[in-house]
């Protein structure tokens, strides 16, 4: 099912897994500055606008795990669904050295409009999916750029992010390291922003969860996306089974 603000894959699947992709799209709705944030097309294809490859990996994981998935249908530069409503980075005016012209003068009313039409409906749908059963497990799929401007290269192939709840993250890190992958332990980011998507829909409900970051050059095409989805699905299932959660 696709609506303006999200896509749901296989909503009737019986799996405990719920796969989420908060930054799946670089789409700018027509009602936001005529569908144009004032950036060159090349910038809208960069990591600042969306998580490159994350949507394809999410589709692959949902299929392999027999799971439901939800994907956002709007660019995080419009409004970031992986941020709480009071987070100062919810509506970015500058990202990785790039000014976002259409956001530069966006006022409180414009932010509220984007929250009402995009951010809140996405989170309402995610909450409904997570609440379908008592034992939901959430896996959030993201990607990261190999190098931010003016920063050192990032060596990790995959990052496993978590906050206080590391019940799945710790064994997943160990399993990925056993595969010989270069794994980031809460890297390239620390896996917690107050009231972010995992905090809101997993941690607050004591649902087991993990956030996966894949380096986007590894999943930039369909072959890479299928490869990593196929690698991760059996590991995720085994880790969940082994933890007894």
C-alpha atoms as a PDB file:
ATOM      1  CA  UNK A   1       0.000   0.000   0.000  1.00  0.00           C
ATOM      2  CA  UNK A   2       1.386   3.384  -1.010  1.00  0.00           C
ATOM      3  CA  UNK A   3       0.075   6.722   0.184  1.00  0.00           C
ATOM      4  CA  UNK A   4       1.624  10.167   0.022  1.00  0.00           C
ATOM      5  CA  UNK A   5       3.751   9.785   3.118  1.00  0.00           C
ATOM      6  CA  UNK A   6       4.632   6.076   3.405  1.00  0.00           C
ATOM      7  CA  UNK A   7       4.625   2.666   1.754  1.00  0.00           C
ATOM      8  CA  UNK A   8       3.675  -0.489   3.640  1.00  0.00           C
ATOM      9  CA  UNK A   9       4.921  -3.839   2.366  1.00  0.00           C
ATOM     10  CA  UNK A  10       3.083  -7.055   3.211  1.00  0.00           C
ATOM     11  CA  UNK A  11       1.021  -5.708   6.142  1.00  0.00           C
ATOM     12  CA  UNK A  12      -0.554  -9.131   6.795  1.00  0.00           C
ATOM     13  CA  UNK A  13       2.694 -11.051   7.191  1.00  0.00           C
ATOM     14  CA  UNK A  14       2.865 -13.058  10.440  1.00  0.00           C
ATOM     15  CA  UNK A  15       6.554 -12.519  11.218  1.00  0.00           C
ATOM     16  CA  UNK A  16       7.576 -10.829  14.467  1.00  0.00           C
ATOM     17  CA  UNK A  17       9.941  -8.648  12.473  1.00  0.00           C
ATOM     18  CA  UNK A  18       8.904  -5.151  11.461  1.00  0.00           C
ATOM     19  CA  UNK A  19      11.405  -3.589   9.069  1.00  0.00           C
ATOM     20  CA  UNK A  20      11.494   0.196   8.883  1.00  0.00           C
ATOM     21  CA  UNK A  21      13.198   2.581   6.489  1.00  0.00           C
ATOM     22  CA  UNK A  22      12.821   6.139   7.733  1.00  0.00           C
ATOM     23  CA  UNK A  23      14.978   7.693   5.010  1.00  0.00           C
ATOM     24  CA  UNK A  24      13.935   5.575   2.032  1.00  0.00           C
ATOM     25  CA  UNK A  25      13.061   8.375  -0.396  1.00  0.00           C
ATOM     26  CA  UNK A  26      14.365  11.671  -1.769  1.00  0.00           C
ATOM     27  CA  UNK A  27      10.898  12.748  -2.900  1.00  0.00           C
ATOM     28  CA  UNK A  28       9.778  16.334  -2.307  1.00  0.00           C
ATOM     29  CA  UNK A  29       5.962  16.725  -2.344  1.00  0.00           C
ATOM     30  CA  UNK A  30       4.615  19.229  -4.833  1.00  0.00           C
ATOM     31  CA  UNK A  31       3.067  21.309  -2.034  1.00  0.00           C
ATOM     32  CA  UNK A  32       6.526  21.911  -0.539  1.00  0.00           C
ATOM     33  CA  UNK A  33       7.951  24.814  -2.550  1.00  0.00           C
ATOM     34  CA  UNK A  34       6.573  23.400  -5.787  1.00  0.00           C
ATOM     35  CA  UNK A  35       8.337  20.066  -5.214  1.00  0.00           C
ATOM     36  CA  UNK A  36      11.778  21.681  -5.242  1.00  0.00           C
ATOM     37  CA  UNK A  37      13.984  22.477  -2.243  1.00  0.00           C
ATOM     38  CA  UNK A  38      16.153  24.738  -4.381  1.00  0.00           C
ATOM     39  CA  UNK A  39      18.982  22.209  -4.667  1.00  0.00           C
ATOM     40  CA  UNK A  40      20.609  20.927  -7.863  1.00  0.00           C
ATOM     41  CA  UNK A  41      19.401  17.483  -8.920  1.00  0.00           C
ATOM     42  CA  UNK A  42      22.832  16.073  -8.080  1.00  0.00           C
ATOM     43  CA  UNK A  43      22.445  17.134  -4.455  1.00  0.00           C
ATOM     44  CA  UNK A  44      19.051  15.451  -4.227  1.00  0.00           C
ATOM     45  CA  UNK A  45      20.767  12.204  -5.249  1.00  0.00           C
ATOM     46  CA  UNK A  46      23.295  12.506  -2.405  1.00  0.00           C
ATOM     47  CA  UNK A  47      23.106  11.039   1.071  1.00  0.00           C
ATOM     48  CA  UNK A  48      21.891  14.354   2.462  1.00  0.00           C
ATOM     49  CA  UNK A  49      18.483  13.804   0.837  1.00  0.00           C
ATOM     50  CA  UNK A  50      17.924  10.114   1.659  1.00  0.00           C
ATOM     51  CA  UNK A  51      19.623   6.872   2.640  1.00  0.00           C
ATOM     52  CA  UNK A  52      20.957   5.552  -0.651  1.00  0.00           C
ATOM     53  CA  UNK A  53      20.134   1.864  -1.116  1.00  0.00           C
ATOM     54  CA  UNK A  54      18.142   1.520   2.103  1.00  0.00           C
ATOM     55  CA  UNK A  55      14.803   1.028   0.345  1.00  0.00           C
ATOM     56  CA  UNK A  56      16.116  -1.876  -1.731  1.00  0.00           C
ATOM     57  CA  UNK A  57      17.647  -3.579   1.305  1.00  0.00           C
ATOM     58  CA  UNK A  58      14.374  -3.095   3.196  1.00  0.00           C
ATOM     59  CA  UNK A  59      12.404  -4.744   0.377  1.00  0.00           C
ATOM     60  CA  UNK A  60      14.885  -7.630   0.330  1.00  0.00           C
ATOM     61  CA  UNK A  61      14.805  -8.143   4.086  1.00  0.00           C
ATOM     62  CA  UNK A  62      11.012  -8.026   4.194  1.00  0.00           C
ATOM     63  CA  UNK A  63      10.843 -10.738   1.538  1.00  0.00           C
ATOM     64  CA  UNK A  64      13.547 -12.929   3.083  1.00  0.00           C
ATOM     65  CA  UNK A  65      12.171 -12.648   6.629  1.00  0.00           C
ATOM     66  CA  UNK A  66       8.520 -12.888   5.627  1.00  0.00           C
ATOM     67  CA  UNK A  67       8.071  -9.572   7.374  1.00  0.00           C
ATOM     68  CA  UNK A  68       6.074  -6.385   7.127  1.00  0.00           C
ATOM     69  CA  UNK A  69       7.968  -3.212   6.276  1.00  0.00           C
ATOM     70  CA  UNK A  70       7.221   0.487   6.254  1.00  0.00           C
ATOM     71  CA  UNK A  71       9.154   3.036   4.214  1.00  0.00           C
ATOM     72  CA  UNK A  72       8.874   6.822   4.203  1.00  0.00           C
ATOM     73  CA  UNK A  73       7.954   8.503   0.926  1.00  0.00           C
ATOM     74  CA  UNK A  74       9.525  11.907   1.552  1.00  0.00           C
ATOM     75  CA  UNK A  75      13.037  13.264   1.786  1.00  0.00           C
ATOM     76  CA  UNK A  76      14.520  13.812   5.205  1.00  0.00           C
ATOM     77  CA  UNK A  77      15.367  17.312   3.975  1.00  0.00           C
ATOM     78  CA  UNK A  78      11.639  18.052   3.872  1.00  0.00           C
ATOM     79  CA  UNK A  79      11.220  16.854   7.447  1.00  0.00           C
ATOM     80  CA  UNK A  80      13.136  14.061   9.154  1.00  0.00           C
ATOM     81  CA  UNK A  81      10.963  11.144  10.292  1.00  0.00           C
ATOM     82  CA  UNK A  82      13.829   9.805  12.396  1.00  0.00           C
ATOM     83  CA  UNK A  83      13.784  12.848  14.658  1.00  0.00           C
ATOM     84  CA  UNK A  84      11.458  13.855  17.443  1.00  0.00           C
ATOM     85  CA  UNK A  85       9.207  16.847  16.947  1.00  0.00           C
ATOM     86  CA  UNK A  86      11.319  19.023  19.243  1.00  0.00           C
ATOM     87  CA  UNK A  87      14.670  17.957  17.804  1.00  0.00           C
ATOM     88  CA  UNK A  88      16.577  20.957  16.352  1.00  0.00           C
ATOM     89  CA  UNK A  89      17.632  18.829  13.358  1.00  0.00           C
ATOM     90  CA  UNK A  90      14.036  17.955  12.451  1.00  0.00           C
ATOM     91  CA  UNK A  91      14.030  20.497   9.620  1.00  0.00           C
ATOM     92  CA  UNK A  92      17.560  20.940   8.339  1.00  0.00           C
ATOM     93  CA  UNK A  93      18.774  24.225   6.901  1.00  0.00           C
ATOM     94  CA  UNK A  94      22.353  23.002   6.383  1.00  0.00           C
ATOM     95  CA  UNK A  95      23.457  19.415   5.743  1.00  0.00           C
ATOM     96  CA  UNK A  96      27.032  18.226   5.163  1.00  0.00           C
ATOM     97  CA  UNK A  97      28.036  21.726   4.087  1.00  0.00           C
ATOM     98  CA  UNK A  98      25.071  22.239   1.747  1.00  0.00           C
ATOM     99  CA  UNK A  99      22.508  24.985   2.390  1.00  0.00           C
ATOM    100  CA  UNK A 100      18.894  23.904   1.810  1.00  0.00           C
ATOM    101  CA  UNK A 101      17.359  27.026   0.209  1.00  0.00           C
ATOM    102  CA  UNK A 102      13.667  26.116   0.652  1.00  0.00           C
ATOM    103  CA  UNK A 103      14.246  25.470   4.348  1.00  0.00           C
ATOM    104  CA  UNK A 104      16.246  28.602   5.037  1.00  0.00           C
ATOM    105  CA  UNK A 105      13.196  30.747   5.798  1.00  0.00           C
ATOM    106  CA  UNK A 106      10.763  27.967   6.750  1.00  0.00           C
ATOM    107  CA  UNK A 107       8.873  29.233   9.789  1.00  0.00           C
ATOM    108  CA  UNK A 108       7.032  27.460  12.611  1.00  0.00           C
ATOM    109  CA  UNK A 109       3.816  27.315  10.571  1.00  0.00           C
ATOM    110  CA  UNK A 110       5.613  25.630   7.666  1.00  0.00           C
ATOM    111  CA  UNK A 111       7.240  23.124  10.013  1.00  0.00           C
ATOM    112  CA  UNK A 112       3.846  22.355  11.538  1.00  0.00           C
ATOM    113  CA  UNK A 113       2.355  21.846   8.084  1.00  0.00           C
ATOM    114  CA  UNK A 114       5.049  19.316   7.192  1.00  0.00           C
ATOM    115  CA  UNK A 115       4.629  17.572  10.554  1.00  0.00           C
ATOM    116  CA  UNK A 116       0.877  17.280  10.024  1.00  0.00           C
ATOM    117  CA  UNK A 117       0.999  16.037   6.447  1.00  0.00           C
ATOM    118  CA  UNK A 118       4.101  13.812   6.541  1.00  0.00           C
ATOM    119  CA  UNK A 119       5.846  13.157   9.842  1.00  0.00           C
ATOM    120  CA  UNK A 120       2.810  12.455  12.045  1.00  0.00           C
ATOM    121  CA  UNK A 121       0.970  10.187   9.574  1.00  0.00           C
ATOM    122  CA  UNK A 122       4.155   8.145   9.057  1.00  0.00           C
ATOM    123  CA  UNK A 123       4.571   7.664  12.792  1.00  0.00           C
ATOM    124  CA  UNK A 124       0.890   6.861  13.277  1.00  0.00           C
ATOM    125  CA  UNK A 125       1.151   4.126  10.649  1.00  0.00           C
ATOM    126  CA  UNK A 126       4.383   2.792  12.172  1.00  0.00           C
ATOM    127  CA  UNK A 127       2.782   2.722  15.634  1.00  0.00           C
ATOM    128  CA  UNK A 128      -0.205   0.765  14.318  1.00  0.00           C
ATOM    129  CA  UNK A 129       2.036  -1.808  12.631  1.00  0.00           C
ATOM    130  CA  UNK A 130       4.224  -2.224  15.708  1.00  0.00           C
ATOM    131  CA  UNK A 131       1.169  -2.721  17.935  1.00  0.00           C
ATOM    132  CA  UNK A 132      -0.367  -5.526  15.844  1.00  0.00           C
ATOM    133  CA  UNK A 133       1.228  -8.124  18.107  1.00  0.00           C
ATOM    134  CA  UNK A 134       2.761  -8.233  21.570  1.00  0.00           C
ATOM    135  CA  UNK A 135       6.165  -9.556  20.501  1.00  0.00           C
ATOM    136  CA  UNK A 136       7.102  -7.196  17.636  1.00  0.00           C
ATOM    137  CA  UNK A 137      10.819  -6.859  16.917  1.00  0.00           C
ATOM    138  CA  UNK A 138      11.940  -3.756  15.006  1.00  0.00           C
ATOM    139  CA  UNK A 139      14.864  -3.581  12.595  1.00  0.00           C
ATOM    140  CA  UNK A 140      15.513  -0.110  11.209  1.00  0.00           C
ATOM    141  CA  UNK A 141      17.518   0.053   7.968  1.00  0.00           C
ATOM    142  CA  UNK A 142      19.721   3.034   7.119  1.00  0.00           C
ATOM    143  CA  UNK A 143      22.835   3.797   5.093  1.00  0.00           C
ATOM    144  CA  UNK A 144      25.789   6.124   5.525  1.00  0.00           C
ATOM    145  CA  UNK A 145      28.131   7.892   3.167  1.00  0.00           C
ATOM    146  CA  UNK A 146      31.745   6.622   2.990  1.00  0.00           C
ATOM    147  CA  UNK A 147      33.077  10.088   3.828  1.00  0.00           C
ATOM    148  CA  UNK A 148      31.598  13.346   5.060  1.00  0.00           C
ATOM    149  CA  UNK A 149      33.112  16.571   3.749  1.00  0.00           C
ATOM    150  CA  UNK A 150      36.321  17.419   5.576  1.00  0.00           C
ATOM    151  CA  UNK A 151      36.193  14.203   7.630  1.00  0.00           C
ATOM    152  CA  UNK A 152      38.260  11.002   7.499  1.00  0.00           C
ATOM    153  CA  UNK A 153      37.012   8.072   5.422  1.00  0.00           C
ATOM    154  CA  UNK A 154      34.711   5.673   7.228  1.00  0.00           C
ATOM    155  CA  UNK A 155      36.070   2.127   7.129  1.00  0.00           C
ATOM    156  CA  UNK A 156      32.994   0.250   8.334  1.00  0.00           C
ATOM    157  CA  UNK A 157      30.935  -1.885   5.986  1.00  0.00           C
ATOM    158  CA  UNK A 158      28.087  -2.065   8.456  1.00  0.00           C
ATOM    159  CA  UNK A 159      27.222  -0.226  11.644  1.00  0.00           C
ATOM    160  CA  UNK A 160      25.016  -1.648  14.377  1.00  0.00           C
ATOM    161  CA  UNK A 161      23.405   1.097  16.454  1.00  0.00           C
ATOM    162  CA  UNK A 162      21.634   0.919  19.793  1.00  0.00           C
ATOM    163  CA  UNK A 163      20.858   2.933  22.923  1.00  0.00           C
ATOM    164  CA  UNK A 164      20.417   1.326  26.333  1.00  0.00           C
ATOM    165  CA  UNK A 165      18.693  -1.729  24.871  1.00  0.00           C
ATOM    166  CA  UNK A 166      21.493  -3.791  23.311  1.00  0.00           C
ATOM    167  CA  UNK A 167      19.793  -7.188  23.586  1.00  0.00           C
ATOM    168  CA  UNK A 168      19.888  -7.710  19.833  1.00  0.00           C
ATOM    169  CA  UNK A 169      22.683  -5.328  18.949  1.00  0.00           C
ATOM    170  CA  UNK A 170      25.468  -7.045  20.902  1.00  0.00           C
ATOM    171  CA  UNK A 171      24.932 -10.524  19.452  1.00  0.00           C
ATOM    172  CA  UNK A 172      24.376  -9.035  15.991  1.00  0.00           C
ATOM    173  CA  UNK A 173      27.707  -7.217  16.186  1.00  0.00           C
ATOM    174  CA  UNK A 174      29.418 -10.466  17.191  1.00  0.00           C
ATOM    175  CA  UNK A 175      27.725 -12.365  14.350  1.00  0.00           C
ATOM    176  CA  UNK A 176      28.719  -9.746  11.775  1.00  0.00           C
ATOM    177  CA  UNK A 177      32.303  -9.702  13.030  1.00  0.00           C
ATOM    178  CA  UNK A 178      32.369 -13.495  12.736  1.00  0.00           C
ATOM    179  CA  UNK A 179      31.576 -13.022   9.026  1.00  0.00           C
ATOM    180  CA  UNK A 180      34.787 -10.990   8.717  1.00  0.00           C
ATOM    181  CA  UNK A 181      33.024  -7.690   8.115  1.00  0.00           C
ATOM    182  CA  UNK A 182      34.319  -4.359   9.374  1.00  0.00           C
ATOM    183  CA  UNK A 183      31.606  -3.528  11.893  1.00  0.00           C
ATOM    184  CA  UNK A 184      30.877  -0.235  13.631  1.00  0.00           C
ATOM    185  CA  UNK A 185      29.782  -0.628  17.256  1.00  0.00           C
ATOM    186  CA  UNK A 186      27.476   2.389  17.574  1.00  0.00           C
ATOM    187  CA  UNK A 187      29.365   3.829  14.628  1.00  0.00           C
ATOM    188  CA  UNK A 188      29.397   5.876  12.454  1.00  0.00           C
ATOM    189  CA  UNK A 189      26.728   7.307  14.771  1.00  0.00           C
ATOM    190  CA  UNK A 190      25.567   6.739  18.306  1.00  0.00           C
ATOM    191  CA  UNK A 191      22.196   5.046  18.038  1.00  0.00           C
ATOM    192  CA  UNK A 192      20.089   7.364  20.125  1.00  0.00           C
ATOM    193  CA  UNK A 193      18.226  10.611  19.681  1.00  0.00           C
ATOM    194  CA  UNK A 194      15.473  11.341  22.231  1.00  0.00           C
ATOM    195  CA  UNK A 195      12.071  10.557  20.674  1.00  0.00           C
ATOM    196  CA  UNK A 196      13.598   9.272  17.444  1.00  0.00           C
ATOM    197  CA  UNK A 197      11.814   6.438  15.629  1.00  0.00           C
ATOM    198  CA  UNK A 198      13.450   3.599  17.595  1.00  0.00           C
ATOM    199  CA  UNK A 199      13.084   5.410  20.914  1.00  0.00           C
ATOM    200  CA  UNK A 200       9.434   6.118  20.221  1.00  0.00           C
ATOM    201  CA  UNK A 201       8.288   2.800  18.759  1.00  0.00           C
ATOM    202  CA  UNK A 202      10.682   0.267  20.293  1.00  0.00           C
ATOM    203  CA  UNK A 203      12.450   1.458  23.442  1.00  0.00           C
ATOM    204  CA  UNK A 204       9.366   3.108  24.929  1.00  0.00           C
ATOM    205  CA  UNK A 205       7.488  -0.202  24.594  1.00  0.00           C
ATOM    206  CA  UNK A 206      10.372  -2.521  25.560  1.00  0.00           C
ATOM    207  CA  UNK A 207      10.359  -4.017  22.057  1.00  0.00           C
ATOM    208  CA  UNK A 208      13.611  -5.707  21.001  1.00  0.00           C
ATOM    209  CA  UNK A 209      15.235  -3.620  18.296  1.00  0.00           C
ATOM    210  CA  UNK A 210      18.313  -2.894  16.283  1.00  0.00           C
ATOM    211  CA  UNK A 211      19.296  -0.165  13.834  1.00  0.00           C
ATOM    212  CA  UNK A 212      21.513  -1.206  10.938  1.00  0.00           C
ATOM    213  CA  UNK A 213      23.637   1.240   8.936  1.00  0.00           C
ATOM    214  CA  UNK A 214      25.170  -0.008   5.670  1.00  0.00           C
ATOM    215  CA  UNK A 215      27.856   1.945   3.824  1.00  0.00           C
ATOM    216  CA  UNK A 216      26.023   3.269   0.819  1.00  0.00           C
ATOM    217  CA  UNK A 217      28.642   2.479  -1.813  1.00  0.00           C
ATOM    218  CA  UNK A 218      28.032  -1.204  -1.017  1.00  0.00           C
ATOM    219  CA  UNK A 219      24.287  -0.970  -1.677  1.00  0.00           C
ATOM    220  CA  UNK A 220      24.122   1.692  -4.383  1.00  0.00           C
ATOM    221  CA  UNK A 221      22.702  -0.735  -6.947  1.00  0.00           C
ATOM    222  CA  UNK A 222      20.162  -3.560  -6.966  1.00  0.00           C
ATOM    223  CA  UNK A 223      22.842  -6.248  -6.869  1.00  0.00           C
ATOM    224  CA  UNK A 224      24.422  -4.818  -3.726  1.00  0.00           C
ATOM    225  CA  UNK A 225      21.054  -4.373  -2.070  1.00  0.00           C
ATOM    226  CA  UNK A 226      20.074  -7.979  -2.774  1.00  0.00           C
ATOM    227  CA  UNK A 227      23.480  -9.212  -1.607  1.00  0.00           C
ATOM    228  CA  UNK A 228      23.299  -7.489   1.771  1.00  0.00           C
ATOM    229  CA  UNK A 229      19.644  -8.319   2.360  1.00  0.00           C
ATOM    230  CA  UNK A 230      20.460 -11.952   1.653  1.00  0.00           C
ATOM    231  CA  UNK A 231      23.438 -11.860   3.994  1.00  0.00           C
ATOM    232  CA  UNK A 232      21.634 -10.172   6.857  1.00  0.00           C
ATOM    233  CA  UNK A 233      18.276 -11.971   6.892  1.00  0.00           C
ATOM    234  CA  UNK A 234      19.503 -15.354   8.186  1.00  0.00           C
ATOM    235  CA  UNK A 235      21.821 -13.663  10.690  1.00  0.00           C
ATOM    236  CA  UNK A 236      18.968 -11.562  12.066  1.00  0.00           C
ATOM    237  CA  UNK A 237      16.714 -14.599  12.398  1.00  0.00           C
ATOM    238  CA  UNK A 238      19.435 -16.653  14.098  1.00  0.00           C
ATOM    239  CA  UNK A 239      20.412 -13.878  16.502  1.00  0.00           C
ATOM    240  CA  UNK A 240      16.784 -13.376  17.485  1.00  0.00           C
ATOM    241  CA  UNK A 241      16.271 -17.108  18.018  1.00  0.00           C
ATOM    242  CA  UNK A 242      19.502 -17.472  20.008  1.00  0.00           C
ATOM    243  CA  UNK A 243      18.644 -14.601  22.355  1.00  0.00           C
ATOM    244  CA  UNK A 244      15.315 -16.174  23.268  1.00  0.00           C
ATOM    245  CA  UNK A 245      13.672 -12.758  23.218  1.00  0.00           C
END
